[in-house]
Amino acid sequence: YRELITKQKQENPRFCTLFQEHNRLDHEIKRLEQLPGAVHDKHIIEL
């Protein structure tokens, strides 16, 4: 869906917001997983 995603991000504000939030969570989860003892952290699981 690469092309459709690009189009939706430009034309659909709701899609763009959800997409950005998904990316933000992805980066936050990766950052938190690098911390010691984070493997089974409840906050990470919720994220």
ModelCIF file with pLDDT and N, C-alpha, C, O atoms, coordinates in Angstrom:
data_MODEL
#
_entry.id   MODEL 
#
_entity.id                         1 
_entity.type                       polymer 
_entity.pdbx_number_of_molecules   1 
#
_entity_poly.entity_id                      1 
_entity_poly.type                           'polypeptide(L)' 
_entity_poly.nstd_linkage                   no 
_entity_poly.nstd_monomer                   no 
_entity_poly.pdbx_seq_one_letter_code       YRELITKQKQENPRFCTLFQEHNRLDHEIKRLEQLPGAVHDKHIIEL 
_entity_poly.pdbx_seq_one_letter_code_can   YRELITKQKQENPRFCTLFQEHNRLDHEIKRLEQLPGAVHDKHIIEL 
_entity_poly.pdbx_strand_id                 A 
#
loop_
_entity_poly_seq.entity_id 
_entity_poly_seq.num 
_entity_poly_seq.mon_id 
_entity_poly_seq.hetero 
1 1  TYR n 
1 2  ARG n 
1 3  GLU n 
1 4  LEU n 
1 5  ILE n 
1 6  THR n 
1 7  LYS n 
1 8  GLN n 
1 9  LYS n 
1 10 GLN n 
1 11 GLU n 
1 12 ASN n 
1 13 PRO n 
1 14 ARG n 
1 15 PHE n 
1 16 CYS n 
1 17 THR n 
1 18 LEU n 
1 19 PHE n 
1 20 GLN n 
1 21 GLU n 
1 22 HIS n 
1 23 ASN n 
1 24 ARG n 
1 25 LEU n 
1 26 ASP n 
1 27 HIS n 
1 28 GLU n 
1 29 ILE n 
1 30 LYS n 
1 31 ARG n 
1 32 LEU n 
1 33 GLU n 
1 34 GLN n 
1 35 LEU n 
1 36 PRO n 
1 37 GLY n 
1 38 ALA n 
1 39 VAL n 
1 40 HIS n 
1 41 ASP n 
1 42 LYS n 
1 43 HIS n 
1 44 ILE n 
1 45 ILE n 
1 46 GLU n 
1 47 LEU n 
#
_struct_asym.id          A 
_struct_asym.entity_id   1 
#
loop_
_ma_qa_metric.id 
_ma_qa_metric.mode 
_ma_qa_metric.name 
_ma_qa_metric.software_group_id 
_ma_qa_metric.type 
1 global pLDDT . pLDDT 
2 local  pLDDT . pLDDT 
#
_ma_qa_metric_global.metric_id      1 
_ma_qa_metric_global.metric_value   91.13 
_ma_qa_metric_global.model_id       1 
_ma_qa_metric_global.ordinal_id     1 
#
loop_
_ma_qa_metric_local.label_asym_id 
_ma_qa_metric_local.label_comp_id 
_ma_qa_metric_local.label_seq_id 
_ma_qa_metric_local.metric_id 
_ma_qa_metric_local.metric_value 
_ma_qa_metric_local.model_id 
_ma_qa_metric_local.ordinal_id 
A TYR 1  2 92.00 1 1  
A ARG 2  2 92.00 1 2  
A GLU 3  2 93.00 1 3  
A LEU 4  2 94.00 1 4  
A ILE 5  2 94.00 1 5  
A THR 6  2 93.00 1 6  
A LYS 7  2 94.00 1 7  
A GLN 8  2 95.00 1 8  
A LYS 9  2 94.00 1 9  
A GLN 10 2 95.00 1 10 
A GLU 11 2 95.00 1 11 
A ASN 12 2 96.00 1 12 
A PRO 13 2 97.00 1 13 
A ARG 14 2 97.00 1 14 
A PHE 15 2 96.00 1 15 
A CYS 16 2 96.00 1 16 
A THR 17 2 97.00 1 17 
A LEU 18 2 96.00 1 18 
A PHE 19 2 95.00 1 19 
A GLN 20 2 95.00 1 20 
A GLU 21 2 96.00 1 21 
A HIS 22 2 95.00 1 22 
A ASN 23 2 94.00 1 23 
A ARG 24 2 96.00 1 24 
A LEU 25 2 96.00 1 25 
A ASP 26 2 94.00 1 26 
A HIS 27 2 95.00 1 27 
A GLU 28 2 94.00 1 28 
A ILE 29 2 93.00 1 29 
A LYS 30 2 92.00 1 30 
A ARG 31 2 92.00 1 31 
A LEU 32 2 90.00 1 32 
A GLU 33 2 89.00 1 33 
A GLN 34 2 89.00 1 34 
A LEU 35 2 85.00 1 35 
A PRO 36 2 83.00 1 36 
A GLY 37 2 75.00 1 37 
A ALA 38 2 70.00 1 38 
A VAL 39 2 67.00 1 39 
A HIS 40 2 70.00 1 40 
A ASP 41 2 82.00 1 41 
A LYS 42 2 88.00 1 42 
A HIS 43 2 90.00 1 43 
A ILE 44 2 91.00 1 44 
A ILE 45 2 91.00 1 45 
A GLU 46 2 95.00 1 46 
A LEU 47 2 95.00 1 47 
#
loop_
_atom_site.group_PDB 
_atom_site.id 
_atom_site.type_symbol 
_atom_site.label_atom_id 
_atom_site.label_alt_id 
_atom_site.label_comp_id 
_atom_site.label_asym_id 
_atom_site.label_entity_id 
_atom_site.label_seq_id 
_atom_site.pdbx_PDB_ins_code 
_atom_site.Cartn_x 
_atom_site.Cartn_y 
_atom_site.Cartn_z 
_atom_site.occupancy 
_atom_site.B_iso_or_equiv 
_atom_site.pdbx_formal_charge 
_atom_site.auth_seq_id 
_atom_site.auth_comp_id 
_atom_site.auth_asym_id 
_atom_site.auth_atom_id 
_atom_site.pdbx_PDB_model_num 
ATOM 1   N N  . TYR A 1 1  ? 0.811  -1.215 0.000  1.00 92.00 ? 1  TYR A N  1 
ATOM 2   C CA . TYR A 1 1  ? 0.000  0.000  0.000  1.00 92.00 ? 1  TYR A CA 1 
ATOM 3   C C  . TYR A 1 1  ? 0.851  1.274  0.000  1.00 92.00 ? 1  TYR A C  1 
ATOM 4   O O  . TYR A 1 1  ? 0.355  2.344  0.353  1.00 92.00 ? 1  TYR A O  1 
ATOM 5   N N  . ARG A 1 2  ? 2.081  1.174  -0.378 1.00 92.00 ? 2  ARG A N  1 
ATOM 6   C CA . ARG A 1 2  ? 2.999  2.317  -0.322 1.00 92.00 ? 2  ARG A CA 1 
ATOM 7   C C  . ARG A 1 2  ? 2.403  3.571  -0.977 1.00 92.00 ? 2  ARG A C  1 
ATOM 8   O O  . ARG A 1 2  ? 2.397  4.644  -0.374 1.00 92.00 ? 2  ARG A O  1 
ATOM 9   N N  . GLU A 1 3  ? 1.909  3.435  -2.192 1.00 93.00 ? 3  GLU A N  1 
ATOM 10  C CA . GLU A 1 3  ? 1.358  4.593  -2.913 1.00 93.00 ? 3  GLU A CA 1 
ATOM 11  C C  . GLU A 1 3  ? 0.082  5.099  -2.257 1.00 93.00 ? 3  GLU A C  1 
ATOM 12  O O  . GLU A 1 3  ? -0.122 6.307  -2.139 1.00 93.00 ? 3  GLU A O  1 
ATOM 13  N N  . LEU A 1 4  ? -0.773 4.183  -1.832 1.00 94.00 ? 4  LEU A N  1 
ATOM 14  C CA . LEU A 1 4  ? -2.017 4.577  -1.190 1.00 94.00 ? 4  LEU A CA 1 
ATOM 15  C C  . LEU A 1 4  ? -1.755 5.267  0.153  1.00 94.00 ? 4  LEU A C  1 
ATOM 16  O O  . LEU A 1 4  ? -2.448 6.221  0.508  1.00 94.00 ? 4  LEU A O  1 
ATOM 17  N N  . ILE A 1 5  ? -0.765 4.787  0.890  1.00 94.00 ? 5  ILE A N  1 
ATOM 18  C CA . ILE A 1 5  ? -0.394 5.423  2.159  1.00 94.00 ? 5  ILE A CA 1 
ATOM 19  C C  . ILE A 1 5  ? 0.053  6.863  1.910  1.00 94.00 ? 5  ILE A C  1 
ATOM 20  O O  . ILE A 1 5  ? -0.370 7.779  2.615  1.00 94.00 ? 5  ILE A O  1 
ATOM 21  N N  . THR A 1 6  ? 0.897  7.055  0.920  1.00 93.00 ? 6  THR A N  1 
ATOM 22  C CA . THR A 1 6  ? 1.371  8.402  0.596  1.00 93.00 ? 6  THR A CA 1 
ATOM 23  C C  . THR A 1 6  ? 0.197  9.312  0.259  1.00 93.00 ? 6  THR A C  1 
ATOM 24  O O  . THR A 1 6  ? 0.128  10.450 0.724  1.00 93.00 ? 6  THR A O  1 
ATOM 25  N N  . LYS A 1 7  ? -0.721 8.804  -0.549 1.00 94.00 ? 7  LYS A N  1 
ATOM 26  C CA . LYS A 1 7  ? -1.888 9.583  -0.954 1.00 94.00 ? 7  LYS A CA 1 
ATOM 27  C C  . LYS A 1 7  ? -2.768 9.910  0.252  1.00 94.00 ? 7  LYS A C  1 
ATOM 28  O O  . LYS A 1 7  ? -3.205 11.049 0.418  1.00 94.00 ? 7  LYS A O  1 
ATOM 29  N N  . GLN A 1 8  ? -3.022 8.913  1.083  1.00 95.00 ? 8  GLN A N  1 
ATOM 30  C CA . GLN A 1 8  ? -3.881 9.123  2.248  1.00 95.00 ? 8  GLN A CA 1 
ATOM 31  C C  . GLN A 1 8  ? -3.261 10.100 3.248  1.00 95.00 ? 8  GLN A C  1 
ATOM 32  O O  . GLN A 1 8  ? -3.975 10.891 3.864  1.00 95.00 ? 8  GLN A O  1 
ATOM 33  N N  . LYS A 1 9  ? -1.968 10.050 3.410  1.00 94.00 ? 9  LYS A N  1 
ATOM 34  C CA . LYS A 1 9  ? -1.307 10.987 4.322  1.00 94.00 ? 9  LYS A CA 1 
ATOM 35  C C  . LYS A 1 9  ? -1.470 12.424 3.840  1.00 94.00 ? 9  LYS A C  1 
ATOM 36  O O  . LYS A 1 9  ? -1.532 13.350 4.648  1.00 94.00 ? 9  LYS A O  1 
ATOM 37  N N  . GLN A 1 10 ? -1.539 12.607 2.540  1.00 95.00 ? 10 GLN A N  1 
ATOM 38  C CA . GLN A 1 10 ? -1.686 13.947 1.978  1.00 95.00 ? 10 GLN A CA 1 
ATOM 39  C C  . GLN A 1 10 ? -3.135 14.417 1.975  1.00 95.00 ? 10 GLN A C  1 
ATOM 40  O O  . GLN A 1 10 ? -3.402 15.609 2.124  1.00 95.00 ? 10 GLN A O  1 
ATOM 41  N N  . GLU A 1 11 ? -4.070 13.488 1.806  1.00 95.00 ? 11 GLU A N  1 
ATOM 42  C CA . GLU A 1 11 ? -5.470 13.857 1.593  1.00 95.00 ? 11 GLU A CA 1 
ATOM 43  C C  . GLU A 1 11 ? -6.391 13.603 2.787  1.00 95.00 ? 11 GLU A C  1 
ATOM 44  O O  . GLU A 1 11 ? -7.484 14.165 2.850  1.00 95.00 ? 11 GLU A O  1 
ATOM 45  N N  . ASN A 1 12 ? -5.971 12.781 3.717  1.00 96.00 ? 12 ASN A N  1 
ATOM 46  C CA . ASN A 1 12 ? -6.845 12.383 4.811  1.00 96.00 ? 12 ASN A CA 1 
ATOM 47  C C  . ASN A 1 12 ? -6.181 12.739 6.150  1.00 96.00 ? 12 ASN A C  1 
ATOM 48  O O  . ASN A 1 12 ? -5.287 12.025 6.606  1.00 96.00 ? 12 ASN A O  1 
ATOM 49  N N  . PRO A 1 13 ? -6.614 13.836 6.777  1.00 97.00 ? 13 PRO A N  1 
ATOM 50  C CA . PRO A 1 13 ? -5.988 14.263 8.034  1.00 97.00 ? 13 PRO A CA 1 
ATOM 51  C C  . PRO A 1 13 ? -6.061 13.205 9.141  1.00 97.00 ? 13 PRO A C  1 
ATOM 52  O O  . PRO A 1 13 ? -5.124 13.059 9.926  1.00 97.00 ? 13 PRO A O  1 
ATOM 53  N N  . ARG A 1 14 ? -7.165 12.475 9.201  1.00 97.00 ? 14 ARG A N  1 
ATOM 54  C CA . ARG A 1 14 ? -7.305 11.429 10.230 1.00 97.00 ? 14 ARG A CA 1 
ATOM 55  C C  . ARG A 1 14 ? -6.279 10.319 10.011 1.00 97.00 ? 14 ARG A C  1 
ATOM 56  O O  . ARG A 1 14 ? -5.637 9.867  10.960 1.00 97.00 ? 14 ARG A O  1 
ATOM 57  N N  . PHE A 1 15 ? -6.126 9.885  8.773  1.00 96.00 ? 15 PHE A N  1 
ATOM 58  C CA . PHE A 1 15 ? -5.139 8.861  8.451  1.00 96.00 ? 15 PHE A CA 1 
ATOM 59  C C  . PHE A 1 15 ? -3.740 9.356  8.816  1.00 96.00 ? 15 PHE A C  1 
ATOM 60  O O  . PHE A 1 15 ? -2.957 8.633  9.431  1.00 96.00 ? 15 PHE A O  1 
ATOM 61  N N  . CYS A 1 16 ? -3.439 10.580 8.435  1.00 96.00 ? 16 CYS A N  1 
ATOM 62  C CA . CYS A 1 16 ? -2.121 11.157 8.707  1.00 96.00 ? 16 CYS A CA 1 
ATOM 63  C C  . CYS A 1 16 ? -1.836 11.199 10.209 1.00 96.00 ? 16 CYS A C  1 
ATOM 64  O O  . CYS A 1 16 ? -0.728 10.884 10.643 1.00 96.00 ? 16 CYS A O  1 
ATOM 65  N N  . THR A 1 17 ? -2.832 11.587 10.996 1.00 97.00 ? 17 THR A N  1 
ATOM 66  C CA . THR A 1 17 ? -2.668 11.643 12.447 1.00 97.00 ? 17 THR A CA 1 
ATOM 67  C C  . THR A 1 17 ? -2.402 10.260 13.030 1.00 97.00 ? 17 THR A C  1 
ATOM 68  O O  . THR A 1 17 ? -1.502 10.087 13.851 1.00 97.00 ? 17 THR A O  1 
ATOM 69  N N  . LEU A 1 18 ? -3.189 9.283  12.602 1.00 96.00 ? 18 LEU A N  1 
ATOM 70  C CA . LEU A 1 18 ? -2.984 7.914  13.089 1.00 96.00 ? 18 LEU A CA 1 
ATOM 71  C C  . LEU A 1 18 ? -1.620 7.377  12.677 1.00 96.00 ? 18 LEU A C  1 
ATOM 72  O O  . LEU A 1 18 ? -0.949 6.705  13.460 1.00 96.00 ? 18 LEU A O  1 
ATOM 73  N N  . PHE A 1 19 ? -1.218 7.672  11.460 1.00 95.00 ? 19 PHE A N  1 
ATOM 74  C CA . PHE A 1 19 ? 0.074  7.211  10.948 1.00 95.00 ? 19 PHE A CA 1 
ATOM 75  C C  . PHE A 1 19 ? 1.222  7.816  11.760 1.00 95.00 ? 19 PHE A C  1 
ATOM 76  O O  . PHE A 1 19 ? 2.164  7.118  12.134 1.00 95.00 ? 19 PHE A O  1 
ATOM 77  N N  . GLN A 1 20 ? 1.134  9.103  12.024 1.00 95.00 ? 20 GLN A N  1 
ATOM 78  C CA . GLN A 1 20 ? 2.179  9.767  12.810 1.00 95.00 ? 20 GLN A CA 1 
ATOM 79  C C  . GLN A 1 20 ? 2.232  9.232  14.234 1.00 95.00 ? 20 GLN A C  1 
ATOM 80  O O  . GLN A 1 20 ? 3.312  9.054  14.796 1.00 95.00 ? 20 GLN A O  1 
ATOM 81  N N  . GLU A 1 21 ? 1.071  8.979  14.814 1.00 96.00 ? 21 GLU A N  1 
ATOM 82  C CA . GLU A 1 21 ? 1.032  8.424  16.164 1.00 96.00 ? 21 GLU A CA 1 
ATOM 83  C C  . GLU A 1 21 ? 1.620  7.014  16.187 1.00 96.00 ? 21 GLU A C  1 
ATOM 84  O O  . GLU A 1 21 ? 2.329  6.652  17.126 1.00 96.00 ? 21 GLU A O  1 
ATOM 85  N N  . HIS A 1 22 ? 1.330  6.226  15.168 1.00 95.00 ? 22 HIS A N  1 
ATOM 86  C CA . HIS A 1 22 ? 1.907  4.884  15.069 1.00 95.00 ? 22 HIS A CA 1 
ATOM 87  C C  . HIS A 1 22 ? 3.437  4.972  15.019 1.00 95.00 ? 22 HIS A C  1 
ATOM 88  O O  . HIS A 1 22 ? 4.128  4.224  15.711 1.00 95.00 ? 22 HIS A O  1 
ATOM 89  N N  . ASN A 1 23 ? 3.955  5.875  14.210 1.00 94.00 ? 23 ASN A N  1 
ATOM 90  C CA . ASN A 1 23 ? 5.406  6.057  14.124 1.00 94.00 ? 23 ASN A CA 1 
ATOM 91  C C  . ASN A 1 23 ? 5.996  6.526  15.450 1.00 94.00 ? 23 ASN A C  1 
ATOM 92  O O  . ASN A 1 23 ? 7.056  6.059  15.866 1.00 94.00 ? 23 ASN A O  1 
ATOM 93  N N  . ARG A 1 24 ? 5.304  7.449  16.108 1.00 96.00 ? 24 ARG A N  1 
ATOM 94  C CA . ARG A 1 24 ? 5.781  7.965  17.392 1.00 96.00 ? 24 ARG A CA 1 
ATOM 95  C C  . ARG A 1 24 ? 5.872  6.827  18.418 1.00 96.00 ? 24 ARG A C  1 
ATOM 96  O O  . ARG A 1 24 ? 6.861  6.705  19.141 1.00 96.00 ? 24 ARG A O  1 
ATOM 97  N N  . LEU A 1 25 ? 4.826  6.000  18.465 1.00 96.00 ? 25 LEU A N  1 
ATOM 98  C CA . LEU A 1 25 ? 4.839  4.867  19.389 1.00 96.00 ? 25 LEU A CA 1 
ATOM 99  C C  . LEU A 1 25 ? 5.943  3.878  19.045 1.00 96.00 ? 25 LEU A C  1 
ATOM 100 O O  . LEU A 1 25 ? 6.600  3.343  19.938 1.00 96.00 ? 25 LEU A O  1 
ATOM 101 N N  . ASP A 1 26 ? 6.147  3.637  17.777 1.00 94.00 ? 26 ASP A N  1 
ATOM 102 C CA . ASP A 1 26 ? 7.200  2.718  17.347 1.00 94.00 ? 26 ASP A CA 1 
ATOM 103 C C  . ASP A 1 26 ? 8.562  3.190  17.852 1.00 94.00 ? 26 ASP A C  1 
ATOM 104 O O  . ASP A 1 26 ? 9.343  2.396  18.377 1.00 94.00 ? 26 ASP A O  1 
ATOM 105 N N  . HIS A 1 27 ? 8.840  4.466  17.693 1.00 95.00 ? 27 HIS A N  1 
ATOM 106 C CA . HIS A 1 27 ? 10.126 5.017  18.144 1.00 95.00 ? 27 HIS A CA 1 
ATOM 107 C C  . HIS A 1 27 ? 10.234 4.987  19.670 1.00 95.00 ? 27 HIS A C  1 
ATOM 108 O O  . HIS A 1 27 ? 11.293 4.677  20.214 1.00 95.00 ? 27 HIS A O  1 
ATOM 109 N N  . GLU A 1 28 ? 9.141  5.309  20.354 1.00 94.00 ? 28 GLU A N  1 
ATOM 110 C CA . GLU A 1 28 ? 9.149  5.300  21.814 1.00 94.00 ? 28 GLU A CA 1 
ATOM 111 C C  . GLU A 1 28 ? 9.363  3.887  22.356 1.00 94.00 ? 28 GLU A C  1 
ATOM 112 O O  . GLU A 1 28 ? 10.129 3.690  23.300 1.00 94.00 ? 28 GLU A O  1 
ATOM 113 N N  . ILE A 1 29 ? 8.697  2.920  21.768 1.00 93.00 ? 29 ILE A N  1 
ATOM 114 C CA . ILE A 1 29 ? 8.867  1.523  22.199 1.00 93.00 ? 29 ILE A CA 1 
ATOM 115 C C  . ILE A 1 29 ? 10.314 1.080  22.001 1.00 93.00 ? 29 ILE A C  1 
ATOM 116 O O  . ILE A 1 29 ? 10.904 0.470  22.893 1.00 93.00 ? 29 ILE A O  1 
ATOM 117 N N  . LYS A 1 30 ? 10.879 1.381  20.854 1.00 92.00 ? 30 LYS A N  1 
ATOM 118 C CA . LYS A 1 30 ? 12.277 1.006  20.602 1.00 92.00 ? 30 LYS A CA 1 
ATOM 119 C C  . LYS A 1 30 ? 13.214 1.655  21.612 1.00 92.00 ? 30 LYS A C  1 
ATOM 120 O O  . LYS A 1 30 ? 14.154 1.021  22.091 1.00 92.00 ? 30 LYS A O  1 
ATOM 121 N N  . ARG A 1 31 ? 12.958 2.915  21.934 1.00 92.00 ? 31 ARG A N  1 
ATOM 122 C CA . ARG A 1 31 ? 13.797 3.618  22.905 1.00 92.00 ? 31 ARG A CA 1 
ATOM 123 C C  . ARG A 1 31 ? 13.689 2.960  24.275 1.00 92.00 ? 31 ARG A C  1 
ATOM 124 O O  . ARG A 1 31 ? 14.700 2.709  24.932 1.00 92.00 ? 31 ARG A O  1 
ATOM 125 N N  . LEU A 1 32 ? 12.455 2.681  24.704 1.00 90.00 ? 32 LEU A N  1 
ATOM 126 C CA . LEU A 1 32 ? 12.238 2.086  26.014 1.00 90.00 ? 32 LEU A CA 1 
ATOM 127 C C  . LEU A 1 32 ? 12.798 0.670  26.110 1.00 90.00 ? 32 LEU A C  1 
ATOM 128 O O  . LEU A 1 32 ? 13.275 0.258  27.168 1.00 90.00 ? 32 LEU A O  1 
ATOM 129 N N  . GLU A 1 33 ? 12.740 -0.067 25.014 1.00 89.00 ? 33 GLU A N  1 
ATOM 130 C CA . GLU A 1 33 ? 13.256 -1.442 25.028 1.00 89.00 ? 33 GLU A CA 1 
ATOM 131 C C  . GLU A 1 33 ? 14.769 -1.495 25.197 1.00 89.00 ? 33 GLU A C  1 
ATOM 132 O O  . GLU A 1 33 ? 15.322 -2.538 25.545 1.00 89.00 ? 33 GLU A O  1 
ATOM 133 N N  . GLN A 1 34 ? 15.427 -0.390 24.956 1.00 89.00 ? 34 GLN A N  1 
ATOM 134 C CA . GLN A 1 34 ? 16.884 -0.348 25.135 1.00 89.00 ? 34 GLN A CA 1 
ATOM 135 C C  . GLN A 1 34 ? 17.281 -0.176 26.599 1.00 89.00 ? 34 GLN A C  1 
ATOM 136 O O  . GLN A 1 34 ? 18.445 -0.373 26.947 1.00 89.00 ? 34 GLN A O  1 
ATOM 137 N N  . LEU A 1 35 ? 16.337 0.185  27.455 1.00 85.00 ? 35 LEU A N  1 
ATOM 138 C CA . LEU A 1 35 ? 16.614 0.391  28.873 1.00 85.00 ? 35 LEU A CA 1 
ATOM 139 C C  . LEU A 1 35 ? 16.736 -0.954 29.584 1.00 85.00 ? 35 LEU A C  1 
ATOM 140 O O  . LEU A 1 35 ? 16.057 -1.914 29.218 1.00 85.00 ? 35 LEU A O  1 
ATOM 141 N N  . PRO A 1 36 ? 17.597 -1.026 30.597 1.00 83.00 ? 36 PRO A N  1 
ATOM 142 C CA . PRO A 1 36 ? 17.740 -2.280 31.351 1.00 83.00 ? 36 PRO A CA 1 
ATOM 143 C C  . PRO A 1 36 ? 16.420 -2.701 31.998 1.00 83.00 ? 36 PRO A C  1 
ATOM 144 O O  . PRO A 1 36 ? 15.703 -1.873 32.559 1.00 83.00 ? 36 PRO A O  1 
ATOM 145 N N  . GLY A 1 37 ? 16.111 -3.985 31.915 1.00 75.00 ? 37 GLY A N  1 
ATOM 146 C CA . GLY A 1 37 ? 14.915 -4.543 32.535 1.00 75.00 ? 37 GLY A CA 1 
ATOM 147 C C  . GLY A 1 37 ? 13.621 -4.207 31.831 1.00 75.00 ? 37 GLY A C  1 
ATOM 148 O O  . GLY A 1 37 ? 12.546 -4.368 32.409 1.00 75.00 ? 37 GLY A O  1 
ATOM 149 N N  . ALA A 1 38 ? 13.696 -3.750 30.609 1.00 70.00 ? 38 ALA A N  1 
ATOM 150 C CA . ALA A 1 38 ? 12.505 -3.268 29.917 1.00 70.00 ? 38 ALA A CA 1 
ATOM 151 C C  . ALA A 1 38 ? 11.761 -4.349 29.141 1.00 70.00 ? 38 ALA A C  1 
ATOM 152 O O  . ALA A 1 38 ? 10.683 -4.078 28.612 1.00 70.00 ? 38 ALA A O  1 
ATOM 153 N N  . VAL A 1 39 ? 12.288 -5.533 29.057 1.00 67.00 ? 39 VAL A N  1 
ATOM 154 C CA . VAL A 1 39 ? 11.702 -6.566 28.201 1.00 67.00 ? 39 VAL A CA 1 
ATOM 155 C C  . VAL A 1 39 ? 10.228 -6.820 28.509 1.00 67.00 ? 39 VAL A C  1 
ATOM 156 O O  . VAL A 1 39 ? 9.420  -6.923 27.586 1.00 67.00 ? 39 VAL A O  1 
ATOM 157 N N  . HIS A 1 40 ? 9.866  -6.921 29.768 1.00 70.00 ? 40 HIS A N  1 
ATOM 158 C CA . HIS A 1 40 ? 8.487  -7.239 30.142 1.00 70.00 ? 40 HIS A CA 1 
ATOM 159 C C  . HIS A 1 40 ? 7.817  -6.078 30.868 1.00 70.00 ? 40 HIS A C  1 
ATOM 160 O O  . HIS A 1 40 ? 6.878  -6.279 31.637 1.00 70.00 ? 40 HIS A O  1 
ATOM 161 N N  . ASP A 1 41 ? 8.291  -4.896 30.627 1.00 82.00 ? 41 ASP A N  1 
ATOM 162 C CA . ASP A 1 41 ? 7.743  -3.714 31.274 1.00 82.00 ? 41 ASP A CA 1 
ATOM 163 C C  . ASP A 1 41 ? 6.274  -3.518 30.880 1.00 82.00 ? 41 ASP A C  1 
ATOM 164 O O  . ASP A 1 41 ? 5.936  -3.552 29.697 1.00 82.00 ? 41 ASP A O  1 
ATOM 165 N N  . LYS A 1 42 ? 5.410  -3.315 31.869 1.00 88.00 ? 42 LYS A N  1 
ATOM 166 C CA . LYS A 1 42 ? 3.966  -3.173 31.609 1.00 88.00 ? 42 LYS A CA 1 
ATOM 167 C C  . LYS A 1 42 ? 3.659  -1.964 30.739 1.00 88.00 ? 42 LYS A C  1 
ATOM 168 O O  . LYS A 1 42 ? 2.748  -2.009 29.912 1.00 88.00 ? 42 LYS A O  1 
ATOM 169 N N  . HIS A 1 43 ? 4.404  -0.892 30.917 1.00 90.00 ? 43 HIS A N  1 
ATOM 170 C CA . HIS A 1 43 ? 4.185  0.306  30.095 1.00 90.00 ? 43 HIS A CA 1 
ATOM 171 C C  . HIS A 1 43 ? 4.475  0.017  28.621 1.00 90.00 ? 43 HIS A C  1 
ATOM 172 O O  . HIS A 1 43 ? 3.729  0.446  27.740 1.00 90.00 ? 43 HIS A O  1 
ATOM 173 N N  . ILE A 1 44 ? 5.546  -0.700 28.363 1.00 91.00 ? 44 ILE A N  1 
ATOM 174 C CA . ILE A 1 44 ? 5.893  -1.066 26.983 1.00 91.00 ? 44 ILE A CA 1 
ATOM 175 C C  . ILE A 1 44 ? 4.811  -1.955 26.381 1.00 91.00 ? 44 ILE A C  1 
ATOM 176 O O  . ILE A 1 44 ? 4.448  -1.795 25.215 1.00 91.00 ? 44 ILE A O  1 
ATOM 177 N N  . ILE A 1 45 ? 4.305  -2.878 27.164 1.00 91.00 ? 45 ILE A N  1 
ATOM 178 C CA . ILE A 1 45 ? 3.243  -3.767 26.684 1.00 91.00 ? 45 ILE A CA 1 
ATOM 179 C C  . ILE A 1 45 ? 2.012  -2.956 26.304 1.00 91.00 ? 45 ILE A C  1 
ATOM 180 O O  . ILE A 1 45 ? 1.394  -3.221 25.272 1.00 91.00 ? 45 ILE A O  1 
ATOM 181 N N  . GLU A 1 46 ? 1.651  -1.983 27.114 1.00 95.00 ? 46 GLU A N  1 
ATOM 182 C CA . GLU A 1 46 ? 0.500  -1.131 26.799 1.00 95.00 ? 46 GLU A CA 1 
ATOM 183 C C  . GLU A 1 46 ? 0.754  -0.302 25.541 1.00 95.00 ? 46 GLU A C  1 
ATOM 184 O O  . GLU A 1 46 ? -0.146 -0.132 24.718 1.00 95.00 ? 46 GLU A O  1 
ATOM 185 N N  . LEU A 1 47 ? 1.961  0.207  25.391 1.00 95.00 ? 47 LEU A N  1 
ATOM 186 C CA . LEU A 1 47 ? 2.303  0.967  24.181 1.00 95.00 ? 47 LEU A CA 1 
ATOM 187 C C  . LEU A 1 47 ? 2.206  0.083  22.941 1.00 95.00 ? 47 LEU A C  1 
ATOM 188 O O  . LEU A 1 47 ? 2.457  0.548  21.830 1.00 95.00 ? 47 LEU A O  1 
#
